N, C-alpha and C. Protein backbone atom coordinates (compact mmCIF):
# COMPACT_ATOMS: atom_id res chain seq x y z
N UNK A 1 137.99 63.40 138.64
CA UNK A 1 138.53 63.35 137.86
C UNK A 1 140.20 64.20 138.14
N UNK A 2 141.68 63.84 138.11
CA UNK A 2 142.18 64.69 138.40
C UNK A 2 142.38 66.07 138.52
N UNK A 3 143.14 66.81 139.64
CA UNK A 3 143.50 68.49 138.99
C UNK A 3 144.48 68.58 139.68
N UNK A 4 144.92 70.18 139.68
CA UNK A 4 146.25 70.19 139.89
C UNK A 4 145.80 71.45 140.05
N UNK A 5 146.46 72.39 140.94
CA UNK A 5 147.42 73.81 140.83
C UNK A 5 145.77 74.01 141.80
N UNK A 6 145.38 75.08 141.88
CA UNK A 6 144.12 76.07 142.77
C UNK A 6 143.23 75.21 141.96
N UNK A 7 142.49 74.59 141.41
CA UNK A 7 141.52 73.42 141.11
C UNK A 7 141.27 73.09 141.42
N UNK A 8 142.71 72.11 142.41
CA UNK A 8 142.51 71.06 143.17
C UNK A 8 142.09 71.23 144.52
N UNK A 9 141.88 72.57 144.64
CA UNK A 9 141.22 73.22 146.07
C UNK A 9 140.17 73.12 146.38
N UNK A 10 139.32 73.57 144.85
CA UNK A 10 138.21 73.90 144.19
C UNK A 10 137.22 72.57 144.34
N UNK A 11 136.16 72.70 145.15
CA UNK A 11 134.93 71.20 144.43
C UNK A 11 134.30 71.60 143.75
N UNK A 12 133.72 70.48 142.38
CA UNK A 12 133.14 70.73 141.98
C UNK A 12 132.40 69.95 141.54
N UNK A 13 130.89 70.55 140.63
CA UNK A 13 129.49 69.59 141.21
C UNK A 13 129.72 68.07 141.13
N UNK A 14 130.84 66.89 140.56
CA UNK A 14 130.84 65.54 140.01
C UNK A 14 131.90 65.09 141.77
N UNK A 15 132.38 66.47 142.81
CA UNK A 15 132.06 65.81 144.00
C UNK A 15 131.35 65.80 144.75
N UNK A 16 130.32 65.48 144.15
CA UNK A 16 129.56 65.78 146.07
C UNK A 16 127.70 64.94 145.23
N UNK A 17 127.94 64.09 144.02
CA UNK A 17 126.91 63.45 143.61
C UNK A 17 126.36 62.60 144.15
N UNK A 18 124.96 62.48 144.01
CA UNK A 18 124.93 60.44 144.57
C UNK A 18 124.65 60.17 143.72
N UNK A 19 123.54 58.97 143.94
CA UNK A 19 122.93 58.31 142.92
C UNK A 19 121.61 58.70 142.71
N UNK A 20 121.22 58.59 142.19
CA UNK A 20 119.71 59.23 141.44
C UNK A 20 119.38 58.22 141.11
N UNK A 21 117.58 58.36 141.88
CA UNK A 21 116.36 57.45 141.13
C UNK A 21 116.26 57.85 139.77
N UNK A 22 116.08 56.05 138.89
CA UNK A 22 115.83 56.26 137.48
C UNK A 22 114.94 55.61 137.03
N UNK A 23 113.99 55.88 135.98
CA UNK A 23 113.54 54.65 135.07
C UNK A 23 112.91 54.86 134.17
N UNK A 24 113.22 53.96 133.53
CA UNK A 24 112.81 54.11 131.42
C UNK A 24 112.09 54.57 131.32
N UNK A 25 112.00 55.23 129.62
CA UNK A 25 110.44 55.21 129.26
C UNK A 25 109.10 54.87 129.02
N UNK A 26 109.60 53.27 129.42
CA UNK A 26 108.50 52.46 128.56
C UNK A 26 108.00 51.53 130.00
N UNK A 27 109.07 52.52 131.37
CA UNK A 27 108.70 51.90 132.90
C UNK A 27 106.65 52.17 133.57
N UNK A 28 106.18 51.96 133.65
CA UNK A 28 105.00 52.11 133.88
C UNK A 28 105.10 53.10 135.39
N UNK A 29 104.66 54.33 135.26
CA UNK A 29 104.82 55.26 135.87
C UNK A 29 104.07 54.47 137.59
N UNK A 30 103.12 54.15 137.91
CA UNK A 30 103.07 53.58 139.11
C UNK A 30 104.82 52.38 139.72
N UNK A 31 105.46 51.93 138.58
CA UNK A 31 106.79 51.06 139.00
C UNK A 31 106.93 52.30 139.30
N UNK A 32 107.24 53.08 139.19
CA UNK A 32 108.71 54.77 139.09
C UNK A 32 108.22 54.87 140.59
N UNK A 33 107.16 54.99 140.50
CA UNK A 33 106.86 56.42 141.64
C UNK A 33 106.62 55.30 142.99
N UNK A 34 106.87 54.13 142.75
CA UNK A 34 106.47 53.35 144.26
C UNK A 34 107.93 53.32 144.94
N UNK A 35 109.19 52.52 143.54
CA UNK A 35 110.77 52.84 143.77
C UNK A 35 110.83 54.66 144.33
N UNK A 36 110.25 55.80 143.83
CA UNK A 36 110.86 57.04 144.54
C UNK A 36 110.25 57.30 145.76
N UNK A 37 108.96 56.66 145.52
CA UNK A 37 109.10 56.49 147.23
C UNK A 37 109.50 55.63 148.34
N UNK A 38 109.45 54.51 148.55
CA UNK A 38 111.18 53.34 148.21
C UNK A 38 112.03 53.92 148.80
N UNK A 39 112.41 54.94 148.06
CA UNK A 39 114.09 55.52 148.59
C UNK A 39 114.43 57.06 148.97
N UNK A 40 112.94 57.42 148.77
CA UNK A 40 112.74 59.18 149.81
C UNK A 40 113.02 60.28 149.03
N UNK A 41 112.78 59.83 147.44
CA UNK A 41 112.96 60.64 146.57
C UNK A 41 111.53 61.52 146.23
N UNK A 42 111.75 62.15 145.17
CA UNK A 42 110.57 63.11 145.06
C UNK A 42 110.94 63.54 143.54
N UNK A 43 111.46 62.27 143.16
CA UNK A 43 111.41 62.70 141.46
C UNK A 43 112.54 62.25 141.06
N UNK A 44 112.05 60.72 139.81
CA UNK A 44 113.43 59.99 138.73
C UNK A 44 113.40 61.12 137.77
N UNK A 45 114.59 60.14 137.78
CA UNK A 45 115.37 61.00 135.73
C UNK A 45 115.22 59.52 135.03
N UNK A 46 114.22 60.44 134.34
CA UNK A 46 113.94 59.14 133.14
C UNK A 46 115.28 59.36 132.16
N UNK A 47 115.83 57.54 132.01
CA UNK A 47 116.91 57.51 130.55
C UNK A 47 117.09 56.11 130.53
N UNK A 48 117.66 56.51 129.65
CA UNK A 48 117.28 55.78 128.35
C UNK A 48 118.82 55.29 127.95
N UNK A 49 118.92 53.60 127.56
CA UNK A 49 119.66 52.92 127.22
C UNK A 49 120.92 52.21 128.20
N UNK A 50 122.36 51.26 128.13
CA UNK A 50 123.31 51.22 128.89
C UNK A 50 124.08 52.67 129.32
N UNK A 51 123.49 53.62 128.30
CA UNK A 51 124.76 54.77 128.96
C UNK A 51 123.76 55.77 130.04
N UNK A 52 122.75 54.91 130.40
CA UNK A 52 122.27 55.93 130.71
C UNK A 52 121.65 57.48 130.65
N UNK A 53 121.32 58.01 129.27
CA UNK A 53 121.17 59.02 128.64
C UNK A 53 120.23 59.57 128.70
N UNK A 54 119.90 60.90 129.49
CA UNK A 54 119.19 62.45 130.55
C UNK A 54 117.92 62.04 129.63
N UNK A 55 116.94 61.69 129.01
CA UNK A 55 115.37 61.82 128.42
C UNK A 55 114.69 62.87 129.29
N UNK A 56 114.58 62.59 130.57
CA UNK A 56 113.61 63.33 130.46
C UNK A 56 113.53 63.37 132.70
N UNK A 57 111.87 64.54 133.34
CA UNK A 57 112.05 63.68 134.70
C UNK A 57 110.68 63.49 135.05
N UNK A 58 110.67 62.81 136.27
CA UNK A 58 109.30 62.43 136.32
C UNK A 58 109.22 63.21 137.84
N UNK A 59 108.42 64.08 138.22
CA UNK A 59 107.80 64.53 139.14
C UNK A 59 106.58 65.49 139.45
N UNK A 60 106.35 65.32 140.78
CA UNK A 60 105.65 66.68 141.26
C UNK A 60 104.54 65.30 141.30
N UNK A 61 103.14 66.13 140.10
CA UNK A 61 101.92 65.27 139.46
C UNK A 61 102.11 64.34 138.94
N UNK A 62 102.81 64.14 138.12
CA UNK A 62 103.14 63.44 137.09
C UNK A 62 103.65 62.19 138.11
N UNK A 63 103.87 61.51 138.73
CA UNK A 63 104.27 60.72 139.93
C UNK A 63 102.90 60.07 140.18
N UNK A 64 101.73 61.34 140.31
CA UNK A 64 100.62 60.91 140.35
C UNK A 64 99.85 60.07 139.37
N UNK A 65 99.88 60.37 138.57
CA UNK A 65 99.23 59.94 136.73
C UNK A 65 98.69 58.64 137.62
N UNK A 66 97.84 58.59 136.42
CA UNK A 66 97.27 56.56 135.46
C UNK A 66 98.55 55.67 136.33
N UNK A 67 98.87 54.69 137.67
CA UNK A 67 99.77 54.19 137.58
C UNK A 67 99.92 53.17 136.05
N UNK A 68 99.39 52.84 135.29
CA UNK A 68 99.65 52.21 134.18
C UNK A 68 99.75 52.68 132.90
N UNK A 69 99.44 54.34 133.33
CA UNK A 69 100.32 54.85 132.06
C UNK A 69 102.04 55.04 131.78
N UNK A 70 102.66 55.19 130.59
CA UNK A 70 104.39 54.57 130.71
C UNK A 70 104.75 56.16 130.88
N UNK A 71 105.74 55.79 131.88
CA UNK A 71 107.34 57.16 132.12
C UNK A 71 106.65 58.32 130.96
N UNK A 72 107.26 57.97 129.71
CA UNK A 72 107.65 58.52 128.48
C UNK A 72 106.17 59.74 128.05
N UNK A 73 104.88 58.84 128.24
CA UNK A 73 103.87 59.71 128.44
C UNK A 73 103.42 60.89 129.38
N UNK A 74 104.29 60.92 130.13
CA UNK A 74 103.93 62.08 131.86
C UNK A 74 104.44 62.76 132.06
N UNK A 75 106.71 62.23 131.66
CA UNK A 75 107.67 63.03 131.89
C UNK A 75 107.61 63.96 131.06
N UNK A 76 108.18 64.92 131.90
CA UNK A 76 109.15 66.71 131.19
C UNK A 76 110.21 65.75 130.52
N UNK A 77 110.24 66.65 129.20
CA UNK A 77 111.29 66.09 128.91
C UNK A 77 112.01 67.04 128.78
N UNK A 78 113.72 66.63 128.13
CA UNK A 78 115.36 67.20 128.44
C UNK A 78 115.21 68.54 129.71
N UNK A 79 115.22 67.44 130.85
CA UNK A 79 116.45 68.11 131.92
C UNK A 79 116.77 68.81 131.75
N UNK A 80 117.19 69.95 132.57
CA UNK A 80 118.92 70.95 132.07
C UNK A 80 120.05 70.30 132.84
N UNK A 81 120.97 69.83 132.17
CA UNK A 81 122.22 68.92 133.42
C UNK A 81 123.20 69.59 133.45
N UNK A 82 124.41 69.43 134.36
CA UNK A 82 125.65 70.23 135.03
C UNK A 82 126.42 69.11 134.21
N UNK A 83 127.50 69.63 134.31
CA UNK A 83 128.81 69.33 133.95
C UNK A 83 129.33 69.35 135.13
N UNK A 84 130.07 67.76 135.40
CA UNK A 84 130.94 67.58 136.72
C UNK A 84 131.64 67.90 136.68
N UNK A 85 132.85 69.23 135.84
CA UNK A 85 133.96 69.42 136.03
C UNK A 85 133.17 71.51 136.78
N UNK A 86 132.07 71.90 136.27
CA UNK A 86 131.28 73.04 137.09
C UNK A 86 131.76 73.20 139.00
N UNK A 87 132.74 74.34 138.54
CA UNK A 87 132.33 74.34 140.24
C UNK A 87 131.36 74.87 141.08
N UNK A 88 131.45 74.28 142.15
CA UNK A 88 129.98 74.73 142.48
C UNK A 88 129.91 75.91 143.17
N UNK A 89 130.98 76.77 143.64
CA UNK A 89 130.10 78.02 144.07
C UNK A 89 129.95 78.81 142.75
N UNK A 90 130.44 78.37 141.67
CA UNK A 90 129.79 79.53 140.37
C UNK A 90 128.74 79.11 139.74
N UNK A 91 127.72 77.40 140.45
CA UNK A 91 126.77 76.80 139.61
C UNK A 91 126.04 77.30 140.90
N UNK A 92 125.91 77.78 142.05
CA UNK A 92 125.20 78.12 142.87
C UNK A 92 124.51 79.66 143.05
N UNK A 93 125.65 80.62 141.88
CA UNK A 93 125.44 81.48 142.06
C UNK A 93 125.30 81.76 140.58
N UNK A 94 125.15 80.88 139.56
CA UNK A 94 124.48 80.81 138.74
C UNK A 94 123.04 81.48 138.63
N UNK A 95 122.70 81.83 137.10
CA UNK A 95 120.95 81.98 136.55
C UNK A 95 120.85 80.34 136.81
N UNK A 96 121.10 79.82 136.03
CA UNK A 96 120.72 78.56 136.61
C UNK A 96 120.45 77.59 137.74
N UNK A 97 120.54 78.43 138.70
CA UNK A 97 120.76 77.47 139.86
C UNK A 97 118.96 78.11 140.48
N UNK A 98 119.03 79.58 140.85
CA UNK A 98 117.58 80.26 141.04
C UNK A 98 116.80 79.11 140.65
N UNK A 99 115.65 78.63 142.30
CA UNK A 99 114.36 78.37 142.71
C UNK A 99 115.22 76.59 142.14
N UNK A 100 116.64 75.90 142.29
CA UNK A 100 116.72 74.79 141.71
C UNK A 100 116.72 73.88 143.00
N UNK A 101 115.98 72.48 142.98
CA UNK A 101 116.46 71.58 144.56
C UNK A 101 117.06 70.00 144.70
N UNK A 102 117.12 70.01 142.94
CA UNK A 102 118.20 69.03 142.51
C UNK A 102 118.97 69.55 141.52
N UNK A 103 120.40 69.15 140.94
CA UNK A 103 120.86 69.20 140.16
C UNK A 103 121.53 68.18 139.30
N UNK A 104 120.76 67.62 137.85
CA UNK A 104 121.28 66.87 137.06
C UNK A 104 122.70 67.08 136.56
N UNK A 105 123.14 65.86 137.02
CA UNK A 105 125.31 65.68 137.24
C UNK A 105 125.24 64.58 135.85
N UNK A 106 125.84 65.48 133.83
CA UNK A 106 125.70 64.60 133.41
C UNK A 106 127.29 64.49 132.65
N UNK A 107 127.27 63.78 132.33
CA UNK A 107 128.80 64.21 131.19
C UNK A 107 128.58 65.02 129.71
N UNK A 108 128.97 65.04 128.55
CA UNK A 108 128.32 66.21 128.03
C UNK A 108 128.79 65.57 126.63
N UNK A 109 127.32 63.70 126.63
CA UNK A 109 127.17 63.14 126.01
C UNK A 109 126.14 62.29 126.32
N UNK A 110 125.75 63.32 127.62
CA UNK A 110 124.01 63.09 128.29
C UNK A 110 124.07 61.89 129.22
N UNK A 111 124.84 60.89 129.35
CA UNK A 111 124.97 60.17 130.26
C UNK A 111 124.58 60.57 131.77
N UNK A 112 123.81 60.06 132.91
CA UNK A 112 123.80 60.70 133.96
C UNK A 112 124.43 60.45 135.18
N UNK A 113 125.69 60.79 135.89
CA UNK A 113 126.42 60.19 136.40
C UNK A 113 124.98 60.32 138.07
N UNK A 114 124.57 61.32 138.21
CA UNK A 114 123.89 61.11 139.66
C UNK A 114 123.11 62.99 140.03
N UNK A 115 123.07 62.78 140.61
CA UNK A 115 122.34 63.97 141.44
C UNK A 115 123.13 64.46 142.19
N UNK A 116 122.99 65.91 142.38
CA UNK A 116 123.38 67.03 143.45
C UNK A 116 122.45 67.96 144.24
N UNK A 117 122.09 67.58 145.31
CA UNK A 117 121.18 68.53 146.15
C UNK A 117 121.39 69.18 146.31
N UNK A 118 121.22 70.68 146.26
CA UNK A 118 121.62 71.59 146.42
C UNK A 118 121.49 72.62 148.28
N UNK A 119 120.56 71.62 148.84
CA UNK A 119 121.23 72.24 150.37
C UNK A 119 123.29 71.17 150.75
N UNK A 120 123.03 70.39 150.31
CA UNK A 120 124.22 69.40 150.37
C UNK A 120 125.32 70.46 149.84
N UNK A 121 124.59 71.50 148.32
CA UNK A 121 125.89 71.97 147.73
C UNK A 121 126.49 73.15 148.47
N UNK A 122 125.57 74.12 149.50
CA UNK A 122 125.15 74.92 150.24
C UNK A 122 126.20 74.24 151.08
N UNK A 123 126.09 73.70 151.65
CA UNK A 123 126.66 73.90 152.69
C UNK A 123 128.60 73.50 152.49
N UNK A 124 128.39 72.40 151.32
CA UNK A 124 129.81 72.51 150.76
C UNK A 124 130.80 73.10 150.48
N UNK A 125 129.47 74.64 150.49
CA UNK A 125 130.46 75.82 149.24
C UNK A 125 131.22 76.64 151.30
N UNK A 126 129.68 76.66 152.13
CA UNK A 126 130.07 77.45 153.56
C UNK A 126 130.75 77.21 153.81
N UNK A 127 130.62 75.46 153.99
CA UNK A 127 132.39 75.03 155.01
C UNK A 127 133.58 75.53 154.34
N UNK A 128 133.02 75.34 153.51
CA UNK A 128 134.65 75.93 152.51
C UNK A 128 135.60 73.64 151.97
N UNK A 129 134.59 73.36 152.14
CA UNK A 129 135.26 71.51 152.04
C UNK A 129 136.28 71.70 150.95
N UNK A 130 136.92 70.68 151.00
CA UNK A 130 137.71 70.46 150.15
C UNK A 130 136.98 69.38 149.29
N UNK A 131 137.93 68.68 147.82
CA UNK A 131 137.29 67.80 146.81
C UNK A 131 137.44 66.53 148.24
N UNK A 132 138.78 66.41 148.28
CA UNK A 132 138.66 65.16 148.81
C UNK A 132 137.61 64.58 150.02
N UNK A 133 137.67 66.08 151.28
CA UNK A 133 136.38 65.82 152.42
C UNK A 133 135.13 65.36 151.40
N UNK A 134 134.68 66.38 150.49
CA UNK A 134 133.35 65.56 149.62
C UNK A 134 133.30 64.92 149.49
N UNK A 135 133.93 64.24 149.10
CA UNK A 135 134.25 62.39 148.07
C UNK A 135 134.23 61.87 149.36
N UNK A 136 133.76 62.01 150.56
CA UNK A 136 134.18 61.03 151.85
C UNK A 136 132.53 61.31 151.99
N UNK A 137 131.85 61.99 152.06
CA UNK A 137 130.67 62.66 152.17
C UNK A 137 129.55 61.91 151.36
N UNK A 138 130.14 62.15 150.09
CA UNK A 138 129.89 61.28 148.77
C UNK A 138 129.75 59.53 148.98
N UNK A 139 130.35 58.91 149.12
CA UNK A 139 130.37 57.91 149.43
C UNK A 139 129.44 57.95 150.47
N UNK A 140 128.68 58.04 151.56
CA UNK A 140 128.48 58.27 152.98
C UNK A 140 127.40 58.06 152.11
N UNK A 141 126.75 58.94 151.53
CA UNK A 141 125.75 59.30 151.40
C UNK A 141 124.83 58.27 150.48
N UNK A 142 125.90 57.42 149.55
CA UNK A 142 125.08 56.43 148.22
C UNK A 142 125.67 55.39 149.63
N UNK A 143 125.93 55.07 150.47
CA UNK A 143 125.56 54.01 151.52
C UNK A 143 123.96 53.90 152.43
N UNK A 144 123.95 54.99 152.37
CA UNK A 144 122.12 55.65 152.93
C UNK A 144 121.38 54.73 151.90
């Protein structure tokens, strides 16, 4: 998203998203959990339709449930999402950030854009990275 003036210097949440592991609500838990393990993550975002609308999260004990169960039977409903235009420093200081390991970044219509890892966001703010530098990190992270 183009920015001008002082906003051009401030990194936003959308600047540092990475691809998030996703699964469908009608998918088997075992299939989704296997993909999550292969990717080295500890969660899966449950999305619906071509727009990837965020419905829920599959994480923790839910990943260990009956592998033949459907994802929508064990997922956490309605996870909190963050807009891509949220300044990183404000996001990290907010009450929303307490104890959060990953932020789900989505449009105002609920379409998943990706995930923002807390440790990466903390480093980016501490190092004062400019948005164009963060964009390089985003590309590198997505290639891993």
